[in-house]
C-alpha atoms as a PDB file:
ATOM      1  CA  MET A   1       0.000   0.000   0.000  1.00  0.00           C
ATOM      2  CA  LEU A   2       1.322   3.319  -0.996  1.00  0.00           C
ATOM      3  CA  THR A   3       1.167   5.979   1.585  1.00  0.00           C
ATOM      4  CA  LEU A   4       1.575   9.623   0.722  1.00  0.00           C
ATOM      5  CA  GLY A   5       3.370  11.755   3.217  1.00  0.00           C
ATOM      6  CA  PRO A   6       2.386  15.253   4.308  1.00  0.00           C
ATOM      7  CA  MET A   7       1.969  17.861   1.506  1.00  0.00           C
ATOM      8  CA  GLN A   8       3.293  20.831   3.532  1.00  0.00           C
ATOM      9  CA  PRO A   9       6.899  20.654   2.289  1.00  0.00           C
ATOM     10  CA  MET A  10       5.754  20.727  -1.381  1.00  0.00           C
ATOM     11  CA  LYS A  11       3.672  23.844  -0.762  1.00  0.00           C
ATOM     12  CA  SER A  12       6.619  25.568   0.874  1.00  0.00           C
ATOM     13  CA  TYR A  13       8.815  24.752  -2.094  1.00  0.00           C
ATOM     14  CA  PHE A  14       6.429  26.275  -4.645  1.00  0.00           C
ATOM     15  CA  GLY A  15       5.753  29.269  -2.433  1.00  0.00           C
ATOM     16  CA  ARG A  16       9.392  30.128  -2.185  1.00  0.00           C
ATOM     17  CA  ASN A  17       9.920  29.823  -5.955  1.00  0.00           C
ATOM     18  CA  LEU A  18       6.908  32.021  -6.721  1.00  0.00           C
ATOM     19  CA  ALA A  19       8.118  34.691  -4.360  1.00  0.00           C
ATOM     20  CA  LEU A  20      11.580  34.606  -5.921  1.00  0.00           C
ATOM     21  CA  ALA A  21      10.115  34.914  -9.421  1.00  0.00           C
ATOM     22  CA  LEU A  22       8.108  37.945  -8.357  1.00  0.00           C
ATOM     23  CA  VAL A  23      11.176  39.595  -6.840  1.00  0.00           C
ATOM     24  CA  VAL A  24      13.230  39.010  -9.983  1.00  0.00           C
ATOM     25  CA  THR A  25      10.449  40.322 -12.217  1.00  0.00           C
ATOM     26  CA  LEU A  26       9.822  43.453 -10.195  1.00  0.00           C
ATOM     27  CA  SER A  27      13.536  44.206  -9.846  1.00  0.00           C
ATOM     28  CA  THR A  28      14.045  44.374 -13.613  1.00  0.00           C
ATOM     29  CA  PRO A  29      14.199  48.063 -14.825  1.00  0.00           C
ATOM     30  CA  LEU A  30      11.207  49.233 -16.813  1.00  0.00           C
ATOM     31  CA  LEU A  31      12.074  50.653 -20.269  1.00  0.00           C
ATOM     32  CA  PHE A  32       9.937  53.509 -21.638  1.00  0.00           C
ATOM     33  CA  THR A  33      10.317  54.720 -25.227  1.00  0.00           C
ATOM     34  CA  PRO A  34       8.583  58.054 -25.867  1.00  0.00           C
ATOM     35  CA  PRO A  35       6.590  58.333 -29.060  1.00  0.00           C
ATOM     36  CA  LEU A  36       8.250  60.078 -32.003  1.00  0.00           C
ATOM     37  CA  THR A  37       7.255  63.710 -32.179  1.00  0.00           C
ATOM     38  CA  ARG A  38       7.297  66.083 -35.152  1.00  0.00           C
ATOM     39  CA  PRO A  39       9.804  69.004 -35.192  1.00  0.00           C
ATOM     40  CA  THR A  40       8.494  72.246 -33.781  1.00  0.00           C
ATOM     41  CA  MET A  41       6.985  74.801 -36.089  1.00  0.00           C
ATOM     42  CA  ALA A  42       9.993  77.154 -35.647  1.00  0.00           C
ATOM     43  CA  GLN A  43      12.260  74.411 -36.968  1.00  0.00           C
ATOM     44  CA  GLU A  44      10.007  73.616 -39.882  1.00  0.00           C
ATOM     45  CA  THR A  45       9.542  77.219 -41.020  1.00  0.00           C
ATOM     46  CA  ASN A  46      12.296  78.732 -43.159  1.00  0.00           C
ATOM     47  CA  LEU A  47      13.676  82.078 -41.914  1.00  0.00           C
ATOM     48  CA  ARG A  48      12.582  84.870 -44.261  1.00  0.00           C
ATOM     49  CA  THR A  49      15.182  87.636 -44.633  1.00  0.00           C
ATOM     50  CA  LEU A  50      15.808  90.740 -46.718  1.00  0.00           C
ATOM     51  CA  THR A  51      19.320  92.208 -47.169  1.00  0.00           C
ATOM     52  CA  VAL A  52      19.807  95.810 -48.271  1.00  0.00           C
ATOM     53  CA  THR A  53      22.800  98.165 -48.528  1.00  0.00           C
ATOM     54  CA  GLY A  54      22.425 101.851 -47.735  1.00  0.00           C
ATOM     55  CA  GLN A  55      24.733 104.702 -48.684  1.00  0.00           C
ATOM     56  CA  GLY A  56      25.404 107.995 -46.953  1.00  0.00           C
ATOM     57  CA  GLN A  57      27.512 111.068 -47.627  1.00  0.00           C
ATOM     58  CA  GLN A  58      28.591 114.057 -45.589  1.00  0.00           C
ATOM     59  CA  ALA A  59      30.610 117.048 -46.829  1.00  0.00           C
ATOM     60  CA  VAL A  60      33.174 118.710 -44.584  1.00  0.00           C
ATOM     61  CA  GLN A  61      35.074 121.940 -45.132  1.00  0.00           C
ATOM     62  CA  THR A  62      38.829 121.643 -45.526  1.00  0.00           C
ATOM     63  CA  THR A  63      40.904 123.786 -43.184  1.00  0.00           C
ATOM     64  CA  LYS A  64      44.443 122.502 -43.714  1.00  0.00           C
ATOM     65  CA  THR A  65      46.783 122.274 -46.682  1.00  0.00           C
ATOM     66  CA  GLN A  66      49.306 119.527 -47.318  1.00  0.00           C
ATOM     67  CA  VAL A  67      52.333 120.791 -49.245  1.00  0.00           C
ATOM     68  CA  SER A  68      55.298 119.037 -50.839  1.00  0.00           C
ATOM     69  CA  LEU A  69      58.339 121.225 -51.613  1.00  0.00           C
ATOM     70  CA  GLY A  70      61.543 120.243 -53.344  1.00  0.00           C
ATOM     71  CA  VAL A  71      65.077 121.388 -54.069  1.00  0.00           C
ATOM     72  CA  ASP A  72      66.457 120.195 -57.426  1.00  0.00           C
ATOM     73  CA  LEU A  73      70.021 121.009 -58.537  1.00  0.00           C
ATOM     74  CA  GLU A  74      72.470 119.879 -61.193  1.00  0.00           C
ATOM     75  CA  GLY A  75      76.255 120.021 -61.412  1.00  0.00           C
ATOM     76  CA  THR A  76      79.354 118.306 -62.680  1.00  0.00           C
ATOM     77  CA  ASP A  77      80.543 117.026 -59.294  1.00  0.00           C
ATOM     78  CA  ALA A  78      78.421 114.662 -57.186  1.00  0.00           C
ATOM     79  CA  ALA A  79      79.720 115.853 -53.822  1.00  0.00           C
ATOM     80  CA  THR A  80      79.156 119.500 -54.727  1.00  0.00           C
ATOM     81  CA  VAL A  81      75.604 118.861 -55.915  1.00  0.00           C
ATOM     82  CA  GLN A  82      74.785 116.917 -52.766  1.00  0.00           C
ATOM     83  CA  ARG A  83      76.198 119.627 -50.520  1.00  0.00           C
ATOM     84  CA  GLN A  84      74.317 122.405 -52.265  1.00  0.00           C
ATOM     85  CA  VAL A  85      71.035 120.476 -52.099  1.00  0.00           C
ATOM     86  CA  ALA A  86      71.580 119.869 -48.378  1.00  0.00           C
ATOM     87  CA  GLU A  87      72.346 123.549 -47.693  1.00  0.00           C
ATOM     88  CA  ARG A  88      69.294 124.852 -49.483  1.00  0.00           C
ATOM     89  CA  THR A  89      67.025 122.177 -47.989  1.00  0.00           C
ATOM     90  CA  SER A  90      68.276 123.013 -44.489  1.00  0.00           C
ATOM     91  CA  ALA A  91      67.354 126.652 -45.041  1.00  0.00           C
ATOM     92  CA  VAL A  92      63.855 125.647 -46.174  1.00  0.00           C
ATOM     93  CA  VAL A  93      63.389 123.308 -43.206  1.00  0.00           C
ATOM     94  CA  GLU A  94      64.529 126.022 -40.790  1.00  0.00           C
ATOM     95  CA  LEU A  95      61.911 128.364 -42.250  1.00  0.00           C
ATOM     96  CA  LEU A  96      59.183 125.730 -41.958  1.00  0.00           C
ATOM     97  CA  ARG A  97      60.037 125.004 -38.343  1.00  0.00           C
ATOM     98  CA  SER A  98      59.948 128.694 -37.510  1.00  0.00           C
ATOM     99  CA  ARG A  99      56.377 128.787 -38.876  1.00  0.00           C
ATOM    100  CA  ARG A 100      55.421 125.786 -36.701  1.00  0.00           C
ATOM    101  CA  VAL A 101      54.116 123.631 -39.523  1.00  0.00           C
ATOM    102  CA  GLU A 102      52.679 120.204 -38.720  1.00  0.00           C
ATOM    103  CA  LYS A 103      53.880 116.741 -39.770  1.00  0.00           C
ATOM    104  CA  LEU A 104      57.143 117.994 -41.268  1.00  0.00           C
ATOM    105  CA  GLU A 105      59.103 115.147 -42.834  1.00  0.00           C
ATOM    106  CA  THR A 106      61.500 114.264 -45.631  1.00  0.00           C
ATOM    107  CA  THR A 107      59.697 112.272 -48.301  1.00  0.00           C
ATOM    108  CA  GLY A 108      62.374 111.999 -50.992  1.00  0.00           C
ATOM    109  CA  LEU A 109      66.144 112.165 -51.394  1.00  0.00           C
ATOM    110  CA  GLN A 110      68.000 111.421 -54.616  1.00  0.00           C
ATOM    111  CA  LEU A 111      71.423 111.787 -56.280  1.00  0.00           C
ATOM    112  CA  SER A 112      71.917 110.320 -59.747  1.00  0.00           C
ATOM    113  CA  PRO A 113      74.321 110.670 -62.705  1.00  0.00           C
ATOM    114  CA  ARG A 114      73.323 112.351 -65.961  1.00  0.00           C
ATOM    115  CA  TYR A 115      74.481 110.954 -69.294  1.00  0.00           C
ATOM    116  CA  ARG A 116      74.554 112.155 -72.853  1.00  0.00           C
ATOM    117  CA  TYR A 117      74.036 109.666 -75.656  1.00  0.00           C
ATOM    118  CA  ASP A 118      75.552 110.463 -79.062  1.00  0.00           C
ATOM    119  CA  ASN A 119      76.144 108.052 -81.952  1.00  0.00           C
ATOM    120  CA  GLY A 120      76.078 105.021 -79.690  1.00  0.00           C
ATOM    121  CA  ARG A 121      78.431 106.592 -77.173  1.00  0.00           C
ATOM    122  CA  THR A 122      77.550 107.246 -73.527  1.00  0.00           C
ATOM    123  CA  GLU A 123      79.180 110.205 -71.839  1.00  0.00           C
ATOM    124  CA  LEU A 124      78.832 111.266 -68.199  1.00  0.00           C
ATOM    125  CA  VAL A 125      77.971 114.959 -68.144  1.00  0.00           C
ATOM    126  CA  GLY A 126      77.128 115.566 -64.495  1.00  0.00           C
ATOM    127  CA  TYR A 127      74.850 114.778 -61.572  1.00  0.00           C
ATOM    128  CA  SER A 128      71.394 115.765 -60.427  1.00  0.00           C
ATOM    129  CA  GLY A 129      70.298 115.866 -56.817  1.00  0.00           C
ATOM    130  CA  SER A 130      66.975 116.473 -55.133  1.00  0.00           C
ATOM    131  CA  ASN A 131      65.390 116.601 -51.700  1.00  0.00           C
ATOM    132  CA  THR A 132      61.667 116.715 -50.972  1.00  0.00           C
ATOM    133  CA  VAL A 133      59.917 117.698 -47.735  1.00  0.00           C
ATOM    134  CA  SER A 134      56.214 117.674 -46.927  1.00  0.00           C
ATOM    135  CA  PHE A 135      54.176 119.363 -44.216  1.00  0.00           C
ATOM    136  CA  GLN A 136      50.707 120.549 -43.200  1.00  0.00           C
ATOM    137  CA  MET A 137      49.489 123.923 -42.006  1.00  0.00           C
ATOM    138  CA  PRO A 138      46.331 126.081 -41.953  1.00  0.00           C
ATOM    139  CA  THR A 139      45.267 126.981 -45.480  1.00  0.00           C
ATOM    140  CA  GLU A 140      45.051 130.714 -44.890  1.00  0.00           C
ATOM    141  CA  ALA A 141      48.814 130.914 -44.186  1.00  0.00           C
ATOM    142  CA  VAL A 142      50.071 128.701 -47.014  1.00  0.00           C
ATOM    143  CA  GLY A 143      50.345 131.327 -49.754  1.00  0.00           C
ATOM    144  CA  THR A 144      52.815 133.539 -47.887  1.00  0.00           C
ATOM    145  CA  LEU A 145      54.798 130.523 -46.708  1.00  0.00           C
ATOM    146  CA  LEU A 146      55.201 129.190 -50.250  1.00  0.00           C
ATOM    147  CA  ASP A 147      56.632 132.506 -51.379  1.00  0.00           C
ATOM    148  CA  ASP A 148      59.073 132.586 -48.460  1.00  0.00           C
ATOM    149  CA  ALA A 149      60.087 128.943 -49.033  1.00  0.00           C
ATOM    150  CA  VAL A 150      61.041 129.741 -52.627  1.00  0.00           C
ATOM    151  CA  LYS A 151      63.151 132.633 -51.386  1.00  0.00           C
ATOM    152  CA  ALA A 152      64.838 130.304 -48.888  1.00  0.00           C
ATOM    153  CA  GLY A 153      65.919 127.858 -51.581  1.00  0.00           C
ATOM    154  CA  ALA A 154      63.017 125.658 -52.695  1.00  0.00           C
ATOM    155  CA  ASN A 155      62.626 125.558 -56.463  1.00  0.00           C
ATOM    156  CA  GLN A 156      59.919 122.904 -56.813  1.00  0.00           C
ATOM    157  CA  ILE A 157      56.331 122.852 -55.523  1.00  0.00           C
ATOM    158  CA  ARG A 158      55.600 119.196 -56.083  1.00  0.00           C
ATOM    159  CA  GLY A 159      52.088 119.108 -54.695  1.00  0.00           C
ATOM    160  CA  VAL A 160      49.418 121.059 -52.833  1.00  0.00           C
ATOM    161  CA  SER A 161      46.257 119.379 -51.502  1.00  0.00           C
ATOM    162  CA  PHE A 162      43.559 120.254 -49.001  1.00  0.00           C
ATOM    163  CA  ILE A 163      42.347 118.228 -46.040  1.00  0.00           C
ATOM    164  CA  ALA A 164      39.872 118.660 -43.203  1.00  0.00           C
ATOM    165  CA  ASP A 165      40.721 118.544 -39.521  1.00  0.00           C
ATOM    166  CA  ASP A 166      40.767 115.048 -37.987  1.00  0.00           C
ATOM    167  CA  THR A 167      37.973 115.928 -35.552  1.00  0.00           C
ATOM    168  CA  ALA A 168      35.789 117.271 -38.360  1.00  0.00           C
ATOM    169  CA  LEU A 169      36.466 114.186 -40.489  1.00  0.00           C
ATOM    170  CA  GLU A 170      35.423 111.845 -37.666  1.00  0.00           C
ATOM    171  CA  ALA A 171      32.218 113.826 -37.087  1.00  0.00           C
ATOM    172  CA  ALA A 172      31.466 113.652 -40.831  1.00  0.00           C
ATOM    173  CA  ARG A 173      32.117 109.902 -40.798  1.00  0.00           C
ATOM    174  CA  GLN A 174      29.616 109.374 -37.990  1.00  0.00           C
ATOM    175  CA  GLU A 175      26.990 111.410 -39.844  1.00  0.00           C
ATOM    176  CA  ALA A 176      27.620 109.517 -43.093  1.00  0.00           C
ATOM    177  CA  LEU A 177      27.093 106.217 -41.253  1.00  0.00           C
ATOM    178  CA  LYS A 178      23.790 107.459 -39.806  1.00  0.00           C
ATOM    179  CA  ARG A 179      22.612 108.460 -43.273  1.00  0.00           C
ATOM    180  CA  ALA A 180      23.640 105.075 -44.684  1.00  0.00           C
ATOM    181  CA  VAL A 181      21.613 103.270 -42.002  1.00  0.00           C
ATOM    182  CA  ALA A 182      18.590 105.498 -42.665  1.00  0.00           C
ATOM    183  CA  ASP A 183      18.904 104.782 -46.388  1.00  0.00           C
ATOM    184  CA  ALA A 184      19.022 101.020 -45.810  1.00  0.00           C
ATOM    185  CA  GLN A 185      15.968 101.176 -43.521  1.00  0.00           C
ATOM    186  CA  ALA A 186      14.037 103.247 -46.071  1.00  0.00           C
ATOM    187  CA  GLN A 187      14.802 100.712 -48.801  1.00  0.00           C
ATOM    188  CA  ALA A 188      13.645  97.820 -46.649  1.00  0.00           C
ATOM    189  CA  THR A 189      10.430  99.622 -45.676  1.00  0.00           C
ATOM    190  CA  ALA A 190       9.643 100.421 -49.305  1.00  0.00           C
ATOM    191  CA  VAL A 191      10.193  96.854 -50.529  1.00  0.00           C
ATOM    192  CA  LEU A 192       8.325  95.125 -47.709  1.00  0.00           C
ATOM    193  CA  GLY A 193       5.529  97.697 -47.801  1.00  0.00           C
ATOM    194  CA  ALA A 194       4.955  97.024 -51.498  1.00  0.00           C
ATOM    195  CA  LEU A 195       4.475  93.344 -50.603  1.00  0.00           C
ATOM    196  CA  ASN A 196       2.240  94.062 -47.586  1.00  0.00           C
ATOM    197  CA  LEU A 197       4.925  92.760 -45.258  1.00  0.00           C
ATOM    198  CA  ARG A 198       6.633  94.241 -42.217  1.00  0.00           C
ATOM    199  CA  SER A 199      10.141  93.848 -40.850  1.00  0.00           C
ATOM    200  CA  GLN A 200      10.405  92.110 -37.472  1.00  0.00           C
ATOM    201  CA  GLU A 201      14.027  92.669 -36.439  1.00  0.00           C
ATOM    202  CA  VAL A 202      17.560  93.371 -37.692  1.00  0.00           C
ATOM    203  CA  LEU A 203      19.566  90.148 -37.808  1.00  0.00           C
ATOM    204  CA  SER A 204      22.968  91.491 -38.879  1.00  0.00           C
ATOM    205  CA  ILE A 205      24.781  94.771 -39.487  1.00  0.00           C
ATOM    206  CA  GLN A 206      27.855  95.211 -41.664  1.00  0.00           C
ATOM    207  CA  ILE A 207      29.803  98.444 -42.202  1.00  0.00           C
ATOM    208  CA  ASN A 208      31.183  98.144 -45.736  1.00  0.00           C
ATOM    209  CA  GLY A 209      33.204 101.339 -45.755  1.00  0.00           C
ATOM    210  CA  ALA A 210      33.589 104.749 -44.146  1.00  0.00           C
ATOM    211  CA  ALA A 211      37.214 105.561 -44.800  1.00  0.00           C
ATOM    212  CA  PRO A 212      38.547 109.119 -44.678  1.00  0.00           C
ATOM    213  CA  PRO A 213      38.492 110.797 -48.112  1.00  0.00           C
ATOM    214  CA  GLN A 214      41.627 111.478 -50.093  1.00  0.00           C
ATOM    215  CA  PRO A 215      43.063 115.008 -49.929  1.00  0.00           C
ATOM    216  CA  ILE A 216      41.773 117.337 -52.636  1.00  0.00           C
ATOM    217  CA  PRO A 217      44.615 118.247 -55.022  1.00  0.00           C
ATOM    218  CA  MET A 218      45.002 121.890 -55.942  1.00  0.00           C
ATOM    219  CA  ALA A 219      43.911 122.547 -59.514  1.00  0.00           C
ATOM    220  CA  ARG A 220      46.796 123.255 -61.837  1.00  0.00           C
ATOM    221  CA  GLN A 221      46.482 126.683 -63.349  1.00  0.00           C
ATOM    222  CA  VAL A 222      48.625 128.623 -65.794  1.00  0.00           C
ATOM    223  CA  ALA A 223      48.808 132.210 -64.619  1.00  0.00           C
ATOM    224  CA  ALA A 224      51.188 135.102 -64.461  1.00  0.00           C
ATOM    225  CA  ALA A 225      53.467 135.276 -61.442  1.00  0.00           C
ATOM    226  CA  PRO A 226      52.028 137.397 -58.610  1.00  0.00           C
ATOM    227  CA  ALA A 227      53.430 140.793 -57.944  1.00  0.00           C
ATOM    228  CA  ALA A 228      56.215 141.123 -55.426  1.00  0.00           C
ATOM    229  CA  ASP A 229      53.879 142.452 -52.723  1.00  0.00           C
ATOM    230  CA  MET A 230      51.197 139.801 -53.309  1.00  0.00           C
ATOM    231  CA  ALA A 231      51.096 136.320 -51.770  1.00  0.00           C
ATOM    232  CA  THR A 232      50.376 133.262 -53.871  1.00  0.00           C
ATOM    233  CA  PRO A 233      46.583 132.683 -53.611  1.00  0.00           C
ATOM    234  CA  VAL A 234      45.678 129.292 -52.098  1.00  0.00           C
ATOM    235  CA  MET A 235      42.032 128.374 -51.456  1.00  0.00           C
ATOM    236  CA  GLY A 236      40.657 125.115 -50.103  1.00  0.00           C
ATOM    237  CA  GLY A 237      37.334 123.381 -50.668  1.00  0.00           C
ATOM    238  CA  GLU A 238      35.235 120.523 -49.343  1.00  0.00           C
ATOM    239  CA  GLN A 239      35.865 116.843 -48.800  1.00  0.00           C
ATOM    240  CA  THR A 240      33.086 114.283 -48.983  1.00  0.00           C
ATOM    241  CA  VAL A 241      33.011 111.341 -46.586  1.00  0.00           C
ATOM    242  CA  GLU A 242      31.115 108.327 -47.930  1.00  0.00           C
ATOM    243  CA  ALA A 243      29.800 105.328 -45.987  1.00  0.00           C
ATOM    244  CA  ARG A 244      27.959 102.095 -46.827  1.00  0.00           C
ATOM    245  CA  VAL A 245      26.049  99.903 -44.366  1.00  0.00           C
ATOM    246  CA  THR A 246      24.423  96.528 -45.089  1.00  0.00           C
ATOM    247  CA  LEU A 247      21.453  95.439 -42.933  1.00  0.00           C
ATOM    248  CA  GLN A 248      19.698  92.065 -42.894  1.00  0.00           C
ATOM    249  CA  PHE A 249      16.059  92.134 -41.771  1.00  0.00           C
ATOM    250  CA  ARG A 250      13.770  89.303 -40.718  1.00  0.00           C
ATOM    251  CA  TYR A 251      10.181  89.677 -41.920  1.00  0.00           C
END
């Protein structure tokens, strides 16, 4: 006869296994994958922009004159020519310093041989020397100074040009930039207005150019020499500062 023993140990065995399975299952991390979402509207919409370039100008009165004077001499001996050029240039420089000119400097110095060519033959006939100095000073005093510089030894007026004061040029530059910005804004308003659109903001600003203008050269004129008691007439003019600004608008 078969006799079955107590069932309590079997129940304990299955109970322990079930509890262990539940612990293992609940201890496993839960993985959550969010659903795919569409990009936001700001990412999907292309940025609409308009780029325009404005121009501005501002005139400024010149008050200073930039002058370039020279001493040119020729002779048969190089050392003699060089010495004479140096003596006459020193006298001119001394005069200029006594008049308190600005930015006085030597801009050229030269000594070179002179040749004569005849029937295939080259013959040294002498030397030529030169020295050039440049300076700036108020325009109203330039005429008298030029006359005195010639008396002191200068025999070449290589250039005369007119410039505005640095402070006045900077003020004109700022005004030209303002006008360039206003021009760019007016262009953008006109274009967008014609399309029934409005600008929202400025995305970028670029200054394309607002450099100081070049000095105004004195017009070359052929005229009789002034009388001994008259100064050489020198009159300035105006310089124009130009600026360009590029703006990019979002609309």
